Protein backbone atom coordinates (compact mmCIF):
# COMPACT_ATOMS: atom_id res chain seq x y z
CA UNK A 1 -26.93 0.67 -1.23
CA UNK A 2 -28.73 2.84 1.47
CA UNK A 3 -29.34 6.96 1.74
CA UNK A 4 -26.14 9.30 1.98
CA UNK A 5 -25.23 13.17 1.67
CA UNK A 6 -23.12 13.76 -1.31
CA UNK A 7 -20.07 16.31 -0.71
CA UNK A 8 -17.36 17.41 -3.44
CA UNK A 9 -15.09 19.82 -1.16
CA UNK A 10 -12.32 21.29 -3.83
CA UNK A 11 -9.84 21.14 -0.74
CA UNK A 12 -7.70 19.52 1.58
CA UNK A 13 -9.32 21.80 4.87
CA UNK A 14 -12.57 21.59 3.50
CA UNK A 15 -12.48 17.85 3.38
CA UNK A 16 -10.75 17.96 6.98
CA UNK A 17 -13.64 20.21 7.97
CA UNK A 18 -16.84 17.62 6.81
CA UNK A 19 -15.17 14.91 8.66
CA UNK A 20 -14.24 16.27 11.70
CA UNK A 21 -17.99 17.34 11.80
CA UNK A 22 -19.56 14.49 10.75
CA UNK A 23 -17.80 10.81 12.91
CA UNK A 24 -19.90 8.89 10.05
CA UNK A 25 -18.33 10.64 7.28
CA UNK A 26 -16.52 8.38 5.08
CA UNK A 27 -14.48 9.81 1.80
CA UNK A 28 -14.07 8.74 -1.75
CA UNK A 29 -11.49 8.40 -4.16
CA UNK A 30 -11.70 5.80 -6.94
CA UNK A 31 -14.52 4.05 -4.57
CA UNK A 32 -12.29 0.29 -5.33
CA UNK A 33 -13.00 -0.31 -1.33
CA UNK A 34 -15.94 1.90 -0.19
CA UNK A 35 -18.73 1.23 -3.50
CA UNK A 36 -17.83 -2.44 -3.22
CA UNK A 37 -19.75 -1.95 0.31
CA UNK A 38 -22.57 -0.01 0.25
CA UNK A 39 -23.35 -1.96 -2.51
CA UNK A 40 -23.70 -4.88 -0.38
CA UNK A 41 -24.61 -2.62 2.38
CA UNK A 42 -22.10 -3.15 3.98
CA UNK A 43 -21.38 0.13 4.86
CA UNK A 44 -23.33 3.01 5.87
CA UNK A 45 -22.17 6.61 6.15
CA UNK A 46 -24.07 9.26 6.25
CA UNK A 47 -21.89 11.88 3.95
CA UNK A 48 -19.46 10.16 1.09
CA UNK A 49 -17.10 12.95 0.60
CA UNK A 50 -15.57 12.13 -2.56
CA UNK A 51 -11.70 13.66 -2.76
CA UNK A 52 -10.51 13.37 -6.24
CA UNK A 53 -11.21 16.96 -6.86
CA UNK A 54 -8.59 18.05 -4.90
CA UNK A 55 -5.52 19.17 -6.53
CA UNK A 56 -3.38 19.06 -3.22
CA UNK A 57 -3.86 15.47 -3.37
CA UNK A 58 -2.52 15.10 -7.11
CA UNK A 59 1.39 14.78 -8.56
CA UNK A 60 4.62 13.06 -8.89
CA UNK A 61 7.36 14.74 -7.98
CA UNK A 62 11.21 14.20 -6.84
CA UNK A 63 12.40 16.25 -4.56
CA UNK A 64 16.41 15.57 -3.79
CA UNK A 65 16.65 11.52 -3.05
CA UNK A 66 13.04 11.37 -1.71
CA UNK A 67 9.84 10.71 -4.17
CA UNK A 68 6.58 12.53 -3.02
CA UNK A 69 3.59 11.28 -4.37
CA UNK A 70 -0.35 12.65 -3.79
CA UNK A 71 -2.92 10.03 -2.25
CA UNK A 72 -4.92 11.00 -5.81
CA UNK A 73 -2.72 9.34 -8.09
CA UNK A 74 -3.62 6.32 -9.68
CA UNK A 75 -2.10 2.88 -10.52
CA UNK A 76 -2.20 3.39 -14.14
CA UNK A 77 -0.52 7.20 -13.30
CA UNK A 78 2.17 5.44 -11.28
CA UNK A 79 2.96 3.01 -13.65
CA UNK A 80 3.40 5.33 -16.47
CA UNK A 81 5.06 7.72 -14.94
CA UNK A 82 8.71 8.77 -16.27
CA UNK A 83 9.68 9.93 -13.01
CA UNK A 84 8.34 6.73 -10.84
CA UNK A 85 10.17 4.66 -13.04
CA UNK A 86 13.13 6.99 -12.97
CA UNK A 87 13.50 6.55 -9.20
CA UNK A 88 11.46 3.59 -7.92
CA UNK A 89 11.31 1.47 -11.27
CA UNK A 90 10.07 -1.37 -9.10
CA UNK A 91 7.27 0.71 -7.43
CA UNK A 92 6.36 1.41 -10.92
CA UNK A 93 6.31 -2.48 -12.21
CA UNK A 94 4.38 -2.98 -9.07
CA UNK A 95 1.63 -0.14 -9.77
CA UNK A 96 1.94 -2.24 -13.22
CA UNK A 97 0.06 -5.43 -11.71
CA UNK A 98 -2.80 -4.16 -9.50
CA UNK A 99 -5.47 -5.74 -10.18
CA UNK A 100 -6.42 -5.30 -13.21
CA UNK A 101 -7.09 -2.50 -16.43
CA UNK A 102 -10.27 -1.11 -14.46
CA UNK A 103 -9.29 -1.26 -11.36
CA UNK A 104 -5.25 0.24 -11.95
CA UNK A 105 -7.64 2.96 -14.04
CA UNK A 106 -10.04 3.90 -10.75
CA UNK A 107 -7.44 2.66 -7.79
CA UNK A 108 -5.35 5.19 -6.25
CA UNK A 109 -2.67 5.29 -3.90
CA UNK A 110 -3.90 7.00 -0.91
CA UNK A 111 -6.49 5.17 -0.77
CA UNK A 112 -5.36 1.70 -1.50
CA UNK A 113 -2.58 2.84 1.44
CA UNK A 114 -5.60 4.40 3.55
CA UNK A 115 -7.44 1.12 3.02
CA UNK A 116 -4.92 -0.98 4.52
CA UNK A 117 -5.69 -4.52 3.01
CA UNK A 118 -3.87 -7.22 3.93
CA UNK A 119 -4.20 -8.55 0.48
CA UNK A 120 -3.09 -4.89 -1.56
CA UNK A 121 -0.17 -4.15 -2.56
CA UNK A 122 0.83 -0.54 -2.51
CA UNK A 123 1.29 -1.13 2.12
CA UNK A 124 4.51 -3.31 0.90
CA UNK A 125 6.32 -0.72 -0.49
CA UNK A 126 5.50 1.84 1.66
CA UNK A 127 6.67 -0.18 4.55
CA UNK A 128 9.86 -1.38 3.21
CA UNK A 129 10.67 1.67 1.08
CA UNK A 130 10.75 3.61 4.64
CA UNK A 131 8.31 5.93 3.40
CA UNK A 132 6.55 8.84 5.20
CA UNK A 133 3.01 9.52 5.18
CA UNK A 134 1.47 13.23 4.67
CA UNK A 135 -1.66 13.85 6.47
CA UNK A 136 -3.66 16.41 6.42
CA UNK A 137 -2.71 17.13 10.78
CA UNK A 138 1.15 15.01 10.43
CA UNK A 139 3.73 12.65 8.48
CA UNK A 140 3.71 9.69 10.03
CA UNK A 141 6.53 7.18 9.71
CA UNK A 142 5.34 4.20 7.79
CA UNK A 143 7.22 1.90 10.88
CA UNK A 144 3.73 3.21 12.45
CA UNK A 145 1.59 3.78 9.49
CA UNK A 146 -0.31 0.41 10.03
CA UNK A 147 -1.32 -0.95 12.94
CA UNK A 148 -3.46 -4.14 11.59
CA UNK A 149 -5.98 -5.22 9.63
CA UNK A 150 -7.67 -2.78 7.92
CA UNK A 151 -6.22 -0.19 11.12
CA UNK A 152 -3.55 2.75 10.33
CA UNK A 153 -2.87 5.78 11.84
CA UNK A 154 -5.60 7.62 10.60
CA UNK A 155 -7.48 9.77 12.76
CA UNK A 156 -11.05 10.17 12.01
CA UNK A 157 -10.84 13.37 10.56
CA UNK A 158 -7.67 13.24 8.36
CA UNK A 159 -7.20 12.67 5.09
CA UNK A 160 -3.73 11.01 3.56
CA UNK A 161 -2.58 13.58 1.50
CA UNK A 162 0.68 12.50 0.09
CA UNK A 163 3.18 10.10 0.30
CA UNK A 164 6.92 10.89 1.00
CA UNK A 165 9.14 8.10 -1.09
CA UNK A 166 13.55 7.99 0.06
CA UNK A 167 15.05 6.81 -3.47
CA UNK A 168 16.50 3.47 -2.53
CA UNK A 169 19.77 1.99 -4.22
CA UNK A 170 17.87 -1.22 -5.32
CA UNK A 171 14.43 -2.67 -4.72
CA UNK A 172 12.49 -5.63 -5.94
CA UNK A 173 9.14 -7.26 -5.51
CA UNK A 174 7.32 -10.17 -5.79
CA UNK A 175 3.83 -12.53 -5.52
CA UNK A 176 2.04 -14.88 -5.74
CA UNK A 177 -1.89 -13.59 -6.47
CA UNK A 178 -5.23 -15.50 -6.72
CA UNK A 179 -5.46 -16.43 -10.41
CA UNK A 180 -9.49 -14.99 -9.80
CA UNK A 181 -9.66 -12.13 -7.88
CA UNK A 182 -5.96 -11.12 -9.09
CA UNK A 183 -5.28 -10.07 -4.60
CA UNK A 184 -2.52 -11.35 -3.12
CA UNK A 185 -1.32 -14.07 -1.50
CA UNK A 186 1.92 -13.57 0.12
CA UNK A 187 3.67 -11.44 -1.33
CA UNK A 188 7.40 -9.99 0.11
CA UNK A 189 8.80 -5.82 -1.00
CA UNK A 190 12.97 -5.76 -1.12
CA UNK A 191 14.84 -2.91 -0.48
CA UNK A 192 18.18 -1.32 0.34
CA UNK A 193 18.61 2.37 0.52
CA UNK A 194 18.48 5.64 2.46
CA UNK A 195 16.51 3.74 5.28
CA UNK A 196 18.60 0.59 5.87
CA UNK A 197 18.12 -2.29 4.20
CA UNK A 198 14.21 -3.50 4.34
CA UNK A 199 12.25 -6.47 3.88
CA UNK A 200 7.92 -6.28 4.12
CA UNK A 201 5.52 -9.28 3.34
CA UNK A 202 1.88 -8.37 2.29
CA UNK A 203 -1.21 -10.63 1.62
CA UNK A 204 0.39 -13.69 3.99
CA UNK A 205 -0.84 -12.04 7.10
CA UNK A 206 -3.16 -9.72 8.34
CA UNK A 207 -1.47 -7.09 7.90
CA UNK A 208 1.64 -5.90 6.08
CA UNK A 209 4.76 -6.74 8.70
CA UNK A 210 8.64 -6.74 8.48
CA UNK A 211 10.26 -9.54 7.99
CA UNK A 212 13.26 -9.07 10.22
CA UNK A 213 15.28 -12.24 9.64
CA UNK A 214 15.29 -11.50 6.15
CA UNK A 215 16.92 -8.23 6.72
CA UNK A 216 19.47 -9.73 9.10
CA UNK A 217 20.18 -12.45 6.33
CA UNK A 218 20.76 -9.80 3.67
CA UNK A 219 22.27 -7.09 5.83
CA UNK A 220 25.54 -9.77 5.67
CA UNK A 221 24.52 -11.43 2.30
CA UNK A 222 22.65 -9.99 -0.18
CA UNK A 223 21.46 -13.16 -2.45
CA UNK A 224 19.29 -15.15 -3.68
CA UNK A 225 20.10 -18.43 -1.20
CA UNK A 226 20.77 -15.83 1.51
CA UNK A 227 17.06 -15.41 1.71
CA UNK A 228 15.88 -18.25 0.51
CA UNK A 229 17.13 -19.72 4.21
CA UNK A 230 14.91 -18.26 6.22
CA UNK A 231 11.95 -19.49 6.92
CA UNK A 232 8.33 -17.83 7.70
CA UNK A 233 6.86 -19.36 11.35
CA UNK A 234 3.21 -20.36 9.67
CA UNK A 235 1.44 -18.79 13.22
CA UNK A 236 -0.68 -15.81 12.30
CA UNK A 237 -0.60 -15.92 9.62
CA UNK A 238 -4.04 -16.13 7.09
CA UNK A 239 -5.72 -19.45 6.45
CA UNK A 240 -8.68 -19.69 4.32
CA UNK A 241 -9.60 -22.21 0.77
CA UNK A 242 -7.31 -20.44 -0.70
CA UNK A 243 -4.64 -21.16 0.98
CA UNK A 244 -3.56 -22.60 4.69
CA UNK A 245 -1.28 -20.55 6.52
CA UNK A 246 1.43 -23.18 5.95
CA UNK A 247 1.43 -22.47 2.53
CA UNK A 248 0.86 -18.58 2.77
CA UNK A 249 4.52 -19.04 4.72
CA UNK A 250 6.15 -21.26 2.17
CA UNK A 251 4.67 -18.48 -0.49
CA UNK A 252 6.70 -15.91 2.08
CA UNK A 253 10.63 -16.90 1.58
CA UNK A 254 9.32 -18.55 -2.29
CA UNK A 255 8.68 -14.86 -2.98
CA UNK A 256 10.96 -12.80 -1.14
CA UNK A 257 13.89 -14.89 -2.71
CA UNK A 258 12.13 -14.06 -6.33
CA UNK A 259 12.29 -9.94 -5.40
CA UNK A 260 15.74 -10.38 -4.35
CA UNK A 261 16.35 -11.48 -7.35
CA UNK A 262 13.95 -8.80 -9.78
CA UNK A 263 16.11 -5.98 -7.06
CA UNK A 264 19.39 -7.52 -8.50
């Protein structure tokens, strides 16, 4: 691990100032991504900005037909939230099955979405529900936020503060995870609500993406059979020792069928 300066601001504004003044600074909340990178000397930040104590980035509340979740809310808090269970049960269920107990008690919603790991769970929910990402500078639509592997629309001095989820009529999520690492090999989140009918796929490709052919099929016939008739092209899918691109493409359809069944 390299030497670095440690800072713990008490407000979003103070955190943003530190990031703006030091382009090599990195922020940390639950530490599920940055800490392993530091231990393996894969990242060399000059300053580590600990945002875990910023109250503005916490909380879960319902505002009309929108559920607002603070970026610092841990997976276990999303899992156990009465507000989340009542508004978007699929999101609570997703949180309950992220990683293991230790990860769920440390990892945060904002950290997962900001990192945009291809195998992360939350990006699929954000994209399928048509959520809005609230940052220290602006609001960004989910369709514009995820830009590629580990890449988002966030600027260097920009913090993810909260996420606004439109409350759907129905939603469901299913995933196939690696039995050792528990990272998602292929997952599908389906949702029907204020933002239309949307299907988001995670784990199978370099970045979470919408499966528009499945959206079209479900729009005319919301059923397991309808989505089961859509085959994912293996071109551009991830392939490694755990599963080929063709295998992951097959899993996309299987998981989408399970997600529709879960949604009801």
